[in-house]
Protein backbone atom coordinates (compact mmCIF):
# COMPACT_ATOMS: atom_id res chain seq x y z
CA MET A 1 48.82 -102.70 -74.80
CA LYS A 2 45.45 -101.04 -74.43
CA PHE A 3 44.73 -97.32 -74.25
CA ILE A 4 41.86 -95.26 -72.90
CA ASN A 5 39.85 -93.15 -75.31
CA PRO A 6 41.29 -89.60 -75.18
CA ARG A 7 37.97 -88.21 -76.41
CA VAL A 8 36.30 -89.09 -73.11
CA ASP A 9 36.39 -85.87 -71.08
CA TYR A 10 37.99 -87.41 -67.98
CA ALA A 11 40.73 -89.07 -70.07
CA PHE A 12 41.30 -85.86 -72.06
CA LYS A 13 41.79 -83.90 -68.84
CA LYS A 14 44.18 -86.53 -67.48
CA ILE A 15 46.30 -86.63 -70.66
CA PHE A 16 46.49 -82.91 -71.41
CA GLY A 17 45.87 -81.30 -68.02
CA SER A 18 47.95 -83.24 -65.49
CA HIS A 19 51.03 -82.01 -63.65
CA GLN A 20 53.28 -83.95 -66.06
CA SER A 21 51.43 -82.79 -69.18
CA GLU A 22 53.08 -79.43 -69.91
CA LYS A 23 55.27 -80.67 -72.78
CA ILE A 24 52.35 -82.67 -74.17
CA LEU A 25 50.10 -79.62 -74.15
CA ILE A 26 52.79 -77.39 -75.67
CA SER A 27 53.22 -79.81 -78.58
CA PHE A 28 49.46 -80.18 -79.05
CA LEU A 29 48.77 -76.44 -79.02
CA ASN A 30 51.65 -75.70 -81.38
CA ALA A 31 50.18 -78.32 -83.73
CA ILE A 32 46.62 -76.97 -83.61
CA ILE A 33 47.11 -73.22 -83.22
CA TYR A 34 50.39 -72.70 -85.10
CA ASP A 35 50.40 -75.53 -87.67
CA GLY A 36 53.27 -77.31 -85.96
CA GLU A 37 55.60 -74.32 -85.59
CA LYS A 38 57.34 -74.12 -82.21
CA ILE A 39 55.79 -70.82 -81.18
CA ILE A 40 54.77 -71.85 -77.66
CA GLU A 41 57.85 -72.72 -75.63
CA SER A 42 56.44 -72.85 -72.12
CA LEU A 43 53.11 -72.67 -70.30
CA THR A 44 51.49 -73.23 -66.94
CA ILE A 45 48.48 -75.50 -66.58
CA VAL A 46 45.81 -73.89 -64.39
CA ASN A 47 44.11 -76.16 -61.82
CA PRO A 48 45.89 -79.29 -63.05
CA PHE A 49 44.27 -82.70 -62.88
CA ASN A 50 45.51 -84.77 -59.96
CA PRO A 51 45.86 -88.59 -60.12
CA GLY A 52 42.89 -90.22 -58.48
CA GLN A 53 40.82 -87.05 -58.65
CA ILE A 54 37.14 -87.91 -58.48
CA ILE A 55 34.97 -86.19 -61.06
CA SER A 56 31.23 -86.08 -60.52
CA PHE A 57 28.80 -86.88 -63.32
CA LYS A 58 27.22 -83.54 -62.46
CA ASP A 59 30.21 -81.97 -64.23
CA THR A 60 28.86 -81.54 -67.76
CA TYR A 61 32.30 -81.00 -69.23
CA LEU A 62 35.94 -80.82 -68.23
CA ASP A 63 38.26 -78.31 -69.80
CA VAL A 64 41.99 -77.68 -69.68
CA LYS A 65 43.19 -74.13 -69.09
CA ALA A 66 46.75 -72.91 -69.58
CA VAL A 67 48.61 -69.62 -69.37
CA LEU A 68 51.38 -69.18 -71.94
CA VAL A 69 54.71 -67.55 -71.18
CA ASP A 70 53.51 -64.27 -72.76
CA GLY A 71 50.43 -64.24 -70.51
CA SER A 72 47.97 -65.43 -73.17
CA ILE A 73 45.20 -67.70 -71.86
CA VAL A 74 44.15 -70.84 -73.71
CA VAL A 75 41.03 -72.83 -72.83
CA ILE A 76 40.90 -76.31 -74.40
CA GLU A 77 37.76 -78.44 -74.44
CA MET A 78 36.84 -81.84 -75.85
CA GLN A 79 33.14 -82.20 -76.69
CA VAL A 80 31.81 -85.59 -77.80
CA ALA A 81 28.06 -84.97 -78.04
CA ARG A 82 26.06 -82.04 -79.35
CA MET A 83 24.32 -79.85 -76.82
CA THR A 84 21.90 -76.95 -76.84
CA ALA A 85 23.55 -73.56 -77.43
CA PHE A 86 26.99 -75.17 -77.70
CA ASN A 87 28.48 -72.29 -79.71
CA LYS A 88 27.21 -69.81 -77.13
CA ARG A 89 28.87 -71.79 -74.36
CA VAL A 90 32.18 -71.72 -76.23
CA ALA A 91 31.86 -67.95 -76.72
CA TYR A 92 30.93 -67.48 -73.06
CA ASN A 93 33.93 -69.46 -71.82
CA LEU A 94 36.27 -67.43 -74.05
CA ALA A 95 34.78 -64.13 -72.87
CA LYS A 96 34.92 -65.26 -69.23
CA ALA A 97 38.58 -66.32 -69.52
CA TYR A 98 39.39 -62.91 -71.02
CA ALA A 99 37.40 -60.80 -68.56
CA ASN A 100 38.39 -62.70 -65.40
CA GLN A 101 42.00 -61.57 -65.78
CA LEU A 102 41.11 -58.23 -64.19
CA ASP A 103 40.07 -57.59 -60.64
CA LYS A 104 37.76 -54.67 -59.94
CA GLY A 105 39.51 -51.38 -60.65
CA GLU A 106 42.37 -52.83 -62.70
CA LYS A 107 43.18 -51.30 -66.08
CA TYR A 108 42.37 -52.76 -69.51
CA PRO A 109 46.01 -52.70 -70.73
CA LEU A 110 46.65 -55.56 -68.29
CA LEU A 111 44.46 -57.86 -70.38
CA ASN A 112 46.25 -60.61 -72.31
CA PRO A 113 44.90 -62.44 -75.40
CA ALA A 114 42.59 -65.41 -74.93
CA ILE A 115 42.15 -68.40 -77.22
CA ALA A 116 39.46 -71.09 -77.10
CA VAL A 117 40.47 -74.41 -78.67
CA THR A 118 37.43 -76.64 -79.03
CA ILE A 119 37.64 -80.23 -80.30
CA THR A 120 34.36 -81.81 -81.36
CA ASP A 121 33.51 -85.39 -82.23
CA PHE A 122 30.74 -84.13 -84.48
CA ILE A 123 30.52 -81.76 -87.43
CA LEU A 124 29.87 -78.10 -86.68
CA PHE A 125 30.47 -76.36 -90.01
CA LYS A 126 28.81 -78.06 -92.94
CA THR A 127 29.99 -75.50 -95.48
CA THR A 128 33.65 -76.56 -95.32
CA ASP A 129 35.57 -79.83 -95.34
CA ASP A 130 38.45 -78.37 -93.35
CA ALA A 131 39.01 -80.18 -90.04
CA ILE A 132 40.44 -77.06 -88.38
CA ASN A 133 38.74 -73.67 -88.60
CA LYS A 134 40.04 -70.49 -86.94
CA PHE A 135 38.04 -67.34 -86.24
CA VAL A 136 38.87 -63.77 -85.23
CA PHE A 137 36.86 -60.56 -85.13
CA GLN A 138 36.68 -58.81 -88.51
CA GLU A 139 34.65 -56.14 -90.25
CA GLU A 140 31.45 -57.63 -91.64
CA THR A 141 31.65 -56.56 -95.28
CA LYS A 142 35.28 -55.57 -95.99
CA LYS A 143 36.71 -58.37 -93.80
CA TYR A 144 39.57 -56.41 -92.28
CA LYS A 145 40.45 -57.72 -88.84
CA CYS A 146 39.76 -56.20 -85.45
CA LEU A 147 41.09 -57.49 -82.10
CA GLU A 148 42.97 -60.05 -84.16
CA LYS A 149 45.26 -61.18 -81.37
CA GLU A 150 42.93 -60.57 -78.45
CA LEU A 151 40.13 -63.12 -78.92
CA ARG A 152 40.39 -66.24 -81.09
CA LEU A 153 38.16 -69.26 -81.59
CA ILE A 154 39.68 -72.46 -82.99
CA PHE A 155 37.60 -75.54 -83.75
CA VAL A 156 38.85 -79.03 -84.56
CA GLU A 157 36.15 -81.29 -86.05
CA LEU A 158 37.41 -84.86 -85.75
CA PRO A 159 34.92 -86.51 -88.18
CA LYS A 160 36.33 -84.44 -91.04
CA PHE A 161 39.84 -85.86 -90.63
CA LYS A 162 40.10 -88.82 -93.02
CA LYS A 163 43.83 -89.63 -93.18
CA SER A 164 45.09 -93.11 -92.42
CA LEU A 165 48.15 -93.81 -90.28
CA SER A 166 50.41 -94.07 -93.34
CA GLU A 167 49.15 -90.72 -94.69
CA LEU A 168 50.10 -88.63 -91.64
CA LYS A 169 52.46 -85.88 -92.80
CA ASN A 170 53.00 -83.47 -89.94
CA LEU A 171 52.55 -82.83 -86.23
CA THR A 172 48.99 -81.57 -86.67
CA ASP A 173 47.96 -84.75 -88.50
CA LYS A 174 49.52 -86.92 -85.82
CA TRP A 175 47.81 -85.23 -82.89
CA ILE A 176 44.39 -85.35 -84.56
CA TYR A 177 44.94 -89.02 -85.42
CA PHE A 178 45.91 -89.65 -81.80
CA LEU A 179 42.58 -88.21 -80.63
CA GLN A 180 40.66 -90.25 -83.19
CA GLU A 181 42.35 -93.62 -82.94
CA ALA A 182 44.33 -94.04 -79.71
CA ALA A 183 41.68 -96.26 -78.17
CA SER A 184 42.08 -98.76 -81.05
CA PHE A 185 45.88 -99.15 -80.74
CA ASP A 186 47.41 -102.37 -79.43
CA GLU A 187 50.87 -100.80 -79.50
CA ILE A 188 52.36 -97.35 -80.07
CA PRO A 189 52.59 -96.81 -83.86
CA GLU A 190 56.12 -96.07 -84.98
CA ASN A 191 55.37 -92.77 -86.72
CA LEU A 192 53.46 -91.50 -83.66
CA GLY A 193 56.14 -92.71 -81.26
CA GLU A 194 58.63 -90.55 -83.16
CA VAL A 195 56.97 -87.56 -81.45
CA ALA A 196 58.14 -87.75 -77.85
CA GLU A 197 55.11 -85.87 -76.53
CA ILE A 198 52.63 -88.20 -78.27
CA GLU A 199 54.51 -91.20 -76.89
CA GLN A 200 54.25 -89.63 -73.43
CA ALA A 201 50.52 -89.02 -73.95
CA LEU A 202 50.04 -92.67 -74.91
CA ASN A 203 51.93 -93.79 -71.82
CA ILE A 204 49.54 -91.72 -69.68
CA ALA A 205 46.63 -93.27 -71.59
CA ASN A 206 47.95 -96.83 -71.15
CA PHE A 207 45.52 -98.95 -69.11
CA ILE A 208 48.43 -100.41 -67.16
CA ASN A 209 49.28 -96.97 -65.75
CA MET A 210 45.79 -96.27 -64.42
CA THR A 211 44.16 -97.25 -61.16
CA PRO A 212 41.02 -99.44 -61.13
CA GLU A 213 39.07 -96.41 -59.87
CA GLU A 214 40.24 -94.27 -62.80
CA LEU A 215 39.42 -97.00 -65.31
CA GLU A 216 35.92 -97.30 -63.86
CA ILE A 217 35.39 -93.53 -64.14
CA VAL A 218 36.60 -93.53 -67.76
CA GLU A 219 34.34 -96.45 -68.63
CA ASN A 220 31.29 -94.95 -66.92
CA ARG A 221 31.79 -91.53 -68.47
CA GLY A 222 32.29 -93.12 -71.87
CA ILE A 223 29.02 -95.02 -71.51
CA ALA A 224 27.23 -91.86 -70.38
CA LEU A 225 28.55 -89.92 -73.37
CA GLN A 226 27.46 -92.66 -75.78
CA ASP A 227 24.01 -92.67 -74.19
CA GLU A 228 23.83 -88.90 -74.63
CA ARG A 229 24.82 -89.18 -78.30
CA GLY A 230 22.15 -91.82 -78.79
CA ARG A 231 19.53 -89.67 -77.12
CA ILE A 232 20.38 -86.71 -79.35
CA ALA A 233 20.41 -88.87 -82.50
CA TYR A 234 16.98 -90.25 -81.58
CA ALA A 235 15.62 -86.76 -80.95
CA GLU A 236 16.87 -85.60 -84.35
């Protein structure tokens, strides 16, 4: 077996944002947002990826957007390379997802919470070793929270996750390991296959289940992302 790299934006969108990905995305979001608790029970993927969909290289990133059963909006993004004003873009996308719920003249009580889940293949926060960091609005000095459930930012920094396959303890560990290592698998590891949604994700990522056109897109986007990382590293 051989699997595509889920960190490549096109592959990430295919795995987590396709028509058949709802259970995969529910499991992933429960792992990342709620530490593995089964809080999210259903969701709807907005503008789902369609098999064979052609993505232009002019698209600087591909995100996955879902609406939970309670109306909350979640925007999920995989970012491999650093970019200028990256944090501002994340904040902008969260604010846009929140504000775009209302048409002109509609009332603020109709607004539902919005969450941005951002996975990076580089380190953002050098002051902590935690792989997952979650942010809400809070008072600057006394730290009491404001708009706690309305706007949330969650970051997953893959380079900070150091566990080996045998050290994976919970659903969160297993999903992060999937993102890190799926491209290196030659079979589905037993302790990952125990999670039905991860097994399904790996089946979507299996080379044998992809068209030659899709494989070419994944390869070309992967090369482009590596080139971009090299350019940034050289500039630094």
